Amino acid sequence: MIYKALELIYQNQISGNIVIAVADGGEKYLNTVFNQEWLEERDLLDQTIWQQLDEWFFKTEVLKDAL
């Protein structure tokens, strides 16, 4: 959800104040999706996602005001 919101902001499809509901803190997932080794074993890490987030946060004006 958060990634998609960032993508829509970057594409100028949404603007203004944006609220995203996050259901929980993820404590139930500490041994799975929040575990680097677990993700690597299942080939679930996509470096292009991290590169895209870096670009959105550090190379564009879209989100600089929000930081």
PDB file of N, CA and C in Angstrom:
ATOM      1  N   MET A   1       0.804  -1.178   0.000  1.00  0.00           N
ATOM      2  CA  MET A   1       0.000   0.000   0.000  1.00  0.00           C
ATOM      3  C   MET A   1       0.860   1.260   0.000  1.00  0.00           C
ATOM      4  N   ILE A   2       1.848   1.287   0.838  1.00  0.00           N
ATOM      5  CA  ILE A   2       2.687   2.472   0.942  1.00  0.00           C
ATOM      6  C   ILE A   2       3.468   2.682  -0.355  1.00  0.00           C
ATOM      7  N   TYR A   3       4.011   1.597  -0.899  1.00  0.00           N
ATOM      8  CA  TYR A   3       4.758   1.703  -2.154  1.00  0.00           C
ATOM      9  C   TYR A   3       3.858   2.247  -3.263  1.00  0.00           C
ATOM     10  N   LYS A   4       2.644   1.731  -3.354  1.00  0.00           N
ATOM     11  CA  LYS A   4       1.722   2.179  -4.400  1.00  0.00           C
ATOM     12  C   LYS A   4       1.378   3.657  -4.231  1.00  0.00           C
ATOM     13  N   ALA A   5       1.171   4.103  -3.012  1.00  0.00           N
ATOM     14  CA  ALA A   5       0.894   5.520  -2.772  1.00  0.00           C
ATOM     15  C   ALA A   5       2.075   6.375  -3.223  1.00  0.00           C
ATOM     16  N   LEU A   6       3.291   5.954  -2.898  1.00  0.00           N
ATOM     17  CA  LEU A   6       4.474   6.693  -3.334  1.00  0.00           C
ATOM     18  C   LEU A   6       4.568   6.733  -4.854  1.00  0.00           C
ATOM     19  N   GLU A   7       4.250   5.614  -5.484  1.00  0.00           N
ATOM     20  CA  GLU A   7       4.281   5.554  -6.942  1.00  0.00           C
ATOM     21  C   GLU A   7       3.274   6.538  -7.550  1.00  0.00           C
ATOM     22  N   LEU A   8       2.060   6.579  -7.015  1.00  0.00           N
ATOM     23  CA  LEU A   8       1.032   7.486  -7.528  1.00  0.00           C
ATOM     24  C   LEU A   8       1.391   8.945  -7.286  1.00  0.00           C
ATOM     25  N   ILE A   9       2.018   9.235  -6.160  1.00  0.00           N
ATOM     26  CA  ILE A   9       2.484  10.595  -5.886  1.00  0.00           C
ATOM     27  C   ILE A   9       3.543  10.990  -6.915  1.00  0.00           C
ATOM     28  N   TYR A  10       4.506  10.115  -7.128  1.00  0.00           N
ATOM     29  CA  TYR A  10       5.588  10.395  -8.066  1.00  0.00           C
ATOM     30  C   TYR A  10       5.062  10.621  -9.480  1.00  0.00           C
ATOM     31  N   GLN A  11       4.030   9.883  -9.865  1.00  0.00           N
ATOM     32  CA  GLN A  11       3.446  10.004 -11.198  1.00  0.00           C
ATOM     33  C   GLN A  11       2.453  11.167 -11.297  1.00  0.00           C
ATOM     34  N   ASN A  12       2.343  11.945 -10.216  1.00  0.00           N
ATOM     35  CA  ASN A  12       1.420  13.085 -10.159  1.00  0.00           C
ATOM     36  C   ASN A  12      -0.036  12.683 -10.391  1.00  0.00           C
ATOM     37  N   GLN A  13      -0.382  11.445 -10.051  1.00  0.00           N
ATOM     38  CA  GLN A  13      -1.761  10.998 -10.161  1.00  0.00           C
ATOM     39  C   GLN A  13      -2.559  11.354  -8.920  1.00  0.00           C
ATOM     40  N   ILE A  14      -1.878  11.550  -7.793  1.00  0.00           N
ATOM     41  CA  ILE A  14      -2.518  12.035  -6.576  1.00  0.00           C
ATOM     42  C   ILE A  14      -1.613  13.082  -5.954  1.00  0.00           C
ATOM     43  N   SER A  15      -2.217  13.990  -5.196  1.00  0.00           N
ATOM     44  CA  SER A  15      -1.426  15.024  -4.538  1.00  0.00           C
ATOM     45  C   SER A  15      -2.149  15.474  -3.281  1.00  0.00           C
ATOM     46  N   GLY A  16      -1.555  16.403  -2.588  1.00  0.00           N
ATOM     47  CA  GLY A  16      -2.153  16.891  -1.355  1.00  0.00           C
ATOM     48  C   GLY A  16      -1.803  15.990  -0.186  1.00  0.00           C
ATOM     49  N   ASN A  17      -2.610  16.064   0.848  1.00  0.00           N
ATOM     50  CA  ASN A  17      -2.401  15.211   2.017  1.00  0.00           C
ATOM     51  C   ASN A  17      -2.950  13.823   1.725  1.00  0.00           C
ATOM     52  N   ILE A  18      -2.128  12.820   1.967  1.00  0.00           N
ATOM     53  CA  ILE A  18      -2.504  11.442   1.661  1.00  0.00           C
ATOM     54  C   ILE A  18      -2.431  10.623   2.942  1.00  0.00           C
ATOM     55  N   VAL A  19      -3.484   9.882   3.209  1.00  0.00           N
ATOM     56  CA  VAL A  19      -3.553   9.043   4.399  1.00  0.00           C
ATOM     57  C   VAL A  19      -3.575   7.591   3.964  1.00  0.00           C
ATOM     58  N   ILE A  20      -2.719   6.773   4.603  1.00  0.00           N
ATOM     59  CA  ILE A  20      -2.672   5.346   4.316  1.00  0.00           C
ATOM     60  C   ILE A  20      -2.896   4.607   5.623  1.00  0.00           C
ATOM     61  N   ALA A  21      -3.881   3.744   5.643  1.00  0.00           N
ATOM     62  CA  ALA A  21      -4.150   2.942   6.833  1.00  0.00           C
ATOM     63  C   ALA A  21      -3.263   1.698   6.813  1.00  0.00           C
ATOM     64  N   VAL A  22      -2.507   1.505   7.877  1.00  0.00           N
ATOM     65  CA  VAL A  22      -1.664   0.322   8.004  1.00  0.00           C
ATOM     66  C   VAL A  22      -2.231  -0.489   9.165  1.00  0.00           C
ATOM     67  N   ALA A  23      -2.576  -1.722   8.886  1.00  0.00           N
ATOM     68  CA  ALA A  23      -3.343  -2.531   9.831  1.00  0.00           C
ATOM     69  C   ALA A  23      -2.619  -2.851  11.137  1.00  0.00           C
ATOM     70  N   ASP A  24      -1.341  -3.148  11.090  1.00  0.00           N
ATOM     71  CA  ASP A  24      -0.636  -3.497  12.320  1.00  0.00           C
ATOM     72  C   ASP A  24       0.844  -3.170  12.194  1.00  0.00           C
ATOM     73  N   GLY A  25       1.558  -3.384  13.251  1.00  0.00           N
ATOM     74  CA  GLY A  25       2.978  -3.077  13.265  1.00  0.00           C
ATOM     75  C   GLY A  25       3.849  -4.158  12.680  1.00  0.00           C
ATOM     76  N   GLY A  26       3.287  -5.291  12.349  1.00  0.00           N
ATOM     77  CA  GLY A  26       4.049  -6.357  11.724  1.00  0.00           C
ATOM     78  C   GLY A  26       4.727  -7.319  12.666  1.00  0.00           C
ATOM     79  N   GLU A  27       4.405  -7.237  13.955  1.00  0.00           N
ATOM     80  CA  GLU A  27       5.067  -8.119  14.924  1.00  0.00           C
ATOM     81  C   GLU A  27       4.904  -9.596  14.566  1.00  0.00           C
ATOM     82  N   LYS A  28       3.789  -9.949  13.958  1.00  0.00           N
ATOM     83  CA  LYS A  28       3.534 -11.347  13.597  1.00  0.00           C
ATOM     84  C   LYS A  28       4.439 -11.820  12.465  1.00  0.00           C
ATOM     85  N   TYR A  29       5.079 -10.883  11.771  1.00  0.00           N
ATOM     86  CA  TYR A  29       5.841 -11.226  10.578  1.00  0.00           C
ATOM     87  C   TYR A  29       7.352 -11.064  10.754  1.00  0.00           C
ATOM     88  N   LEU A  30       7.815 -10.906  11.977  1.00  0.00           N
ATOM     89  CA  LEU A  30       9.237 -10.673  12.205  1.00  0.00           C
ATOM     90  C   LEU A  30      10.114 -11.819  11.703  1.00  0.00           C
ATOM     91  N   ASN A  31       9.606 -13.040  11.695  1.00  0.00           N
ATOM     92  CA  ASN A  31      10.386 -14.189  11.236  1.00  0.00           C
ATOM     93  C   ASN A  31      10.184 -14.487   9.762  1.00  0.00           C
ATOM     94  N   THR A  32       9.364 -13.690   9.093  1.00  0.00           N
ATOM     95  CA  THR A  32       9.116 -13.932   7.660  1.00  0.00           C
ATOM     96  C   THR A  32       9.428 -12.671   6.855  1.00  0.00           C
ATOM     97  N   VAL A  33       8.436 -11.892   6.501  1.00  0.00           N
ATOM     98  CA  VAL A  33       8.642 -10.781   5.562  1.00  0.00           C
ATOM     99  C   VAL A  33       9.530  -9.664   6.089  1.00  0.00           C
ATOM    100  N   PHE A  34       9.767  -9.605   7.397  1.00  0.00           N
ATOM    101  CA  PHE A  34      10.686  -8.607   7.941  1.00  0.00           C
ATOM    102  C   PHE A  34      12.046  -9.216   8.271  1.00  0.00           C
ATOM    103  N   ASN A  35      12.308 -10.390   7.758  1.00  0.00           N
ATOM    104  CA  ASN A  35      13.556 -11.089   8.006  1.00  0.00           C
ATOM    105  C   ASN A  35      14.338 -11.182   6.698  1.00  0.00           C
ATOM    106  N   GLN A  36      15.478 -10.518   6.646  1.00  0.00           N
ATOM    107  CA  GLN A  36      16.290 -10.456   5.428  1.00  0.00           C
ATOM    108  C   GLN A  36      16.649 -11.844   4.899  1.00  0.00           C
ATOM    109  N   GLU A  37      17.078 -12.737   5.764  1.00  0.00           N
ATOM    110  CA  GLU A  37      17.465 -14.085   5.332  1.00  0.00           C
ATOM    111  C   GLU A  37      16.274 -14.841   4.753  1.00  0.00           C
ATOM    112  N   TRP A  38      15.112 -14.738   5.384  1.00  0.00           N
ATOM    113  CA  TRP A  38      13.905 -15.404   4.913  1.00  0.00           C
ATOM    114  C   TRP A  38      13.552 -14.924   3.512  1.00  0.00           C
ATOM    115  N   LEU A  39      13.655 -13.609   3.301  1.00  0.00           N
ATOM    116  CA  LEU A  39      13.352 -13.046   1.984  1.00  0.00           C
ATOM    117  C   LEU A  39      14.358 -13.507   0.935  1.00  0.00           C
ATOM    118  N   GLU A  40      15.640 -13.515   1.294  1.00  0.00           N
ATOM    119  CA  GLU A  40      16.679 -13.940   0.355  1.00  0.00           C
ATOM    120  C   GLU A  40      16.519 -15.404  -0.030  1.00  0.00           C
ATOM    121  N   GLU A  41      16.225 -16.275   0.940  1.00  0.00           N
ATOM    122  CA  GLU A  41      16.038 -17.705   0.673  1.00  0.00           C
ATOM    123  C   GLU A  41      14.919 -17.949  -0.340  1.00  0.00           C
ATOM    124  N   ARG A  42      13.947 -17.074  -0.381  1.00  0.00           N
ATOM    125  CA  ARG A  42      12.786 -17.236  -1.260  1.00  0.00           C
ATOM    126  C   ARG A  42      12.860 -16.335  -2.499  1.00  0.00           C
ATOM    127  N   ASP A  43      14.011 -15.698  -2.678  1.00  0.00           N
ATOM    128  CA  ASP A  43      14.235 -14.803  -3.812  1.00  0.00           C
ATOM    129  C   ASP A  43      13.133 -13.746  -3.915  1.00  0.00           C
ATOM    130  N   LEU A  44      12.825 -13.134  -2.780  1.00  0.00           N
ATOM    131  CA  LEU A  44      11.758 -12.141  -2.733  1.00  0.00           C
ATOM    132  C   LEU A  44      12.266 -10.704  -2.637  1.00  0.00           C
ATOM    133  N   LEU A  45      13.567 -10.536  -2.714  1.00  0.00           N
ATOM    134  CA  LEU A  45      14.119  -9.187  -2.663  1.00  0.00           C
ATOM    135  C   LEU A  45      14.336  -8.681  -4.083  1.00  0.00           C
ATOM    136  N   ASP A  46      13.745  -7.570  -4.377  1.00  0.00           N
ATOM    137  CA  ASP A  46      13.869  -6.974  -5.700  1.00  0.00           C
ATOM    138  C   ASP A  46      14.618  -5.656  -5.561  1.00  0.00           C
ATOM    139  N   GLN A  47      15.860  -5.623  -6.013  1.00  0.00           N
ATOM    140  CA  GLN A  47      16.683  -4.431  -5.864  1.00  0.00           C
ATOM    141  C   GLN A  47      16.111  -3.237  -6.625  1.00  0.00           C
ATOM    142  N   THR A  48      15.330  -3.485  -7.667  1.00  0.00           N
ATOM    143  CA  THR A  48      14.754  -2.360  -8.410  1.00  0.00           C
ATOM    144  C   THR A  48      13.773  -1.579  -7.544  1.00  0.00           C
ATOM    145  N   ILE A  49      13.122  -2.260  -6.590  1.00  0.00           N
ATOM    146  CA  ILE A  49      12.213  -1.562  -5.673  1.00  0.00           C
ATOM    147  C   ILE A  49      13.008  -0.579  -4.824  1.00  0.00           C
ATOM    148  N   TRP A  50      14.137  -1.037  -4.266  1.00  0.00           N
ATOM    149  CA  TRP A  50      14.956  -0.157  -3.436  1.00  0.00           C
ATOM    150  C   TRP A  50      15.515   0.988  -4.247  1.00  0.00           C
ATOM    151  N   GLN A  51      15.928   0.726  -5.475  1.00  0.00           N
ATOM    152  CA  GLN A  51      16.433   1.782  -6.338  1.00  0.00           C
ATOM    153  C   GLN A  51      15.350   2.812  -6.635  1.00  0.00           C
ATOM    154  N   GLN A  52      14.130   2.333  -6.882  1.00  0.00           N
ATOM    155  CA  GLN A  52      13.027   3.239  -7.157  1.00  0.00           C
ATOM    156  C   GLN A  52      12.712   4.102  -5.938  1.00  0.00           C
ATOM    157  N   LEU A  53      12.695   3.508  -4.761  1.00  0.00           N
ATOM    158  CA  LEU A  53      12.440   4.278  -3.544  1.00  0.00           C
ATOM    159  C   LEU A  53      13.519   5.332  -3.324  1.00  0.00           C
ATOM    160  N   ASP A  54      14.768   4.964  -3.553  1.00  0.00           N
ATOM    161  CA  ASP A  54      15.858   5.939  -3.432  1.00  0.00           C
ATOM    162  C   ASP A  54      15.650   7.108  -4.385  1.00  0.00           C
ATOM    163  N   GLU A  55      15.264   6.801  -5.614  1.00  0.00           N
ATOM    164  CA  GLU A  55      15.033   7.867  -6.584  1.00  0.00           C
ATOM    165  C   GLU A  55      13.894   8.781  -6.124  1.00  0.00           C
ATOM    166  N   TRP A  56      12.803   8.194  -5.675  1.00  0.00           N
ATOM    167  CA  TRP A  56      11.668   8.992  -5.238  1.00  0.00           C
ATOM    168  C   TRP A  56      12.032   9.879  -4.057  1.00  0.00           C
ATOM    169  N   PHE A  57      12.772   9.345  -3.105  1.00  0.00           N
ATOM    170  CA  PHE A  57      13.066  10.093  -1.893  1.00  0.00           C
ATOM    171  C   PHE A  57      14.221  11.075  -2.026  1.00  0.00           C
ATOM    172  N   PHE A  58      15.183  10.783  -2.875  1.00  0.00           N
ATOM    173  CA  PHE A  58      16.399  11.585  -2.880  1.00  0.00           C
ATOM    174  C   PHE A  58      16.707  12.315  -4.179  1.00  0.00           C
ATOM    175  N   LYS A  59      16.019  11.993  -5.266  1.00  0.00           N
ATOM    176  CA  LYS A  59      16.362  12.611  -6.544  1.00  0.00           C
ATOM    177  C   LYS A  59      15.224  13.424  -7.148  1.00  0.00           C
ATOM    178  N   THR A  60      14.094  13.515  -6.492  1.00  0.00           N
ATOM    179  CA  THR A  60      12.975  14.253  -7.059  1.00  0.00           C
ATOM    180  C   THR A  60      12.499  15.321  -6.094  1.00  0.00           C
ATOM    181  N   GLU A  61      11.821  16.290  -6.608  1.00  0.00           N
ATOM    182  CA  GLU A  61      11.243  17.353  -5.797  1.00  0.00           C
ATOM    183  C   GLU A  61       9.905  16.937  -5.208  1.00  0.00           C
ATOM    184  N   VAL A  62       9.308  15.884  -5.727  1.00  0.00           N
ATOM    185  CA  VAL A  62       7.953  15.486  -5.324  1.00  0.00           C
ATOM    186  C   VAL A  62       7.851  15.249  -3.836  1.00  0.00           C
ATOM    187  N   LEU A  63       8.817  14.545  -3.252  1.00  0.00           N
ATOM    188  CA  LEU A  63       8.718  14.168  -1.850  1.00  0.00           C
ATOM    189  C   LEU A  63       9.638  14.971  -0.928  1.00  0.00           C
ATOM    190  N   LYS A  64      10.484  15.828  -1.455  1.00  0.00           N
ATOM    191  CA  LYS A  64      11.432  16.554  -0.607  1.00  0.00           C
ATOM    192  C   LYS A  64      10.720  17.400   0.430  1.00  0.00           C
ATOM    193  N   ASP A  65       9.594  17.990   0.062  1.00  0.00           N
ATOM    194  CA  ASP A  65       8.855  18.801   1.017  1.00  0.00           C
ATOM    195  C   ASP A  65       8.254  17.963   2.140  1.00  0.00           C
ATOM    196  N   ALA A  66       7.975  16.694   1.859  1.00  0.00           N
ATOM    197  CA  ALA A  66       7.367  15.819   2.862  1.00  0.00           C
ATOM    198  C   ALA A  66       8.384  15.306   3.872  1.00  0.00           C
ATOM    199  N   LEU A  67       9.662  15.332   3.523  1.00  0.00           N
ATOM    200  CA  LEU A  67      10.679  14.784   4.431  1.00  0.00           C
ATOM    201  C   LEU A  67      11.035  15.731   5.516  1.00  0.00           C
TER     202      LEU A  67
END
